[in-house]
């Protein structure tokens, strides 16, 4: 089987913490015209996916106040929660992060809302931005 062509790092999705999917989904879907993409709920969040070209927007509503999104909204309010970059080789990218001395939230990849392997980098290592890396 031939090797898959390498595409390089690219934005996979942006996660936006919201207080209510019901109140904001119509803005993105109906007003901005972004088609819905079915996603699984994950990490204590109800997730609405929307296509934005080749990338996605994930609207993240806390399933409970104790969930990561619930804590984020309590601390900072609604807004951009994280940026996810798809990388050609997640394991290699995590090795490069470790070699560079970056703090990881996920030492090993796990399965995310799109059914892809993901891992988060700690915001202290990325200029205050929560960065998620994923398989293509």
Foldseek 3Di string as FASTA:
>chain_A
DDDDDFDFKDWAEWEWEDQDCVVCVCCVCPVVPWDWDDWADDQQWDWIWTDDDNHIYIYTHGNDCPTPSNVCCVVPNITTQAIEMEGQDVVVVLVVCVVVVFAWPDNFWDQDGRRWTKTWTDCVRVVNHIYMYTHD
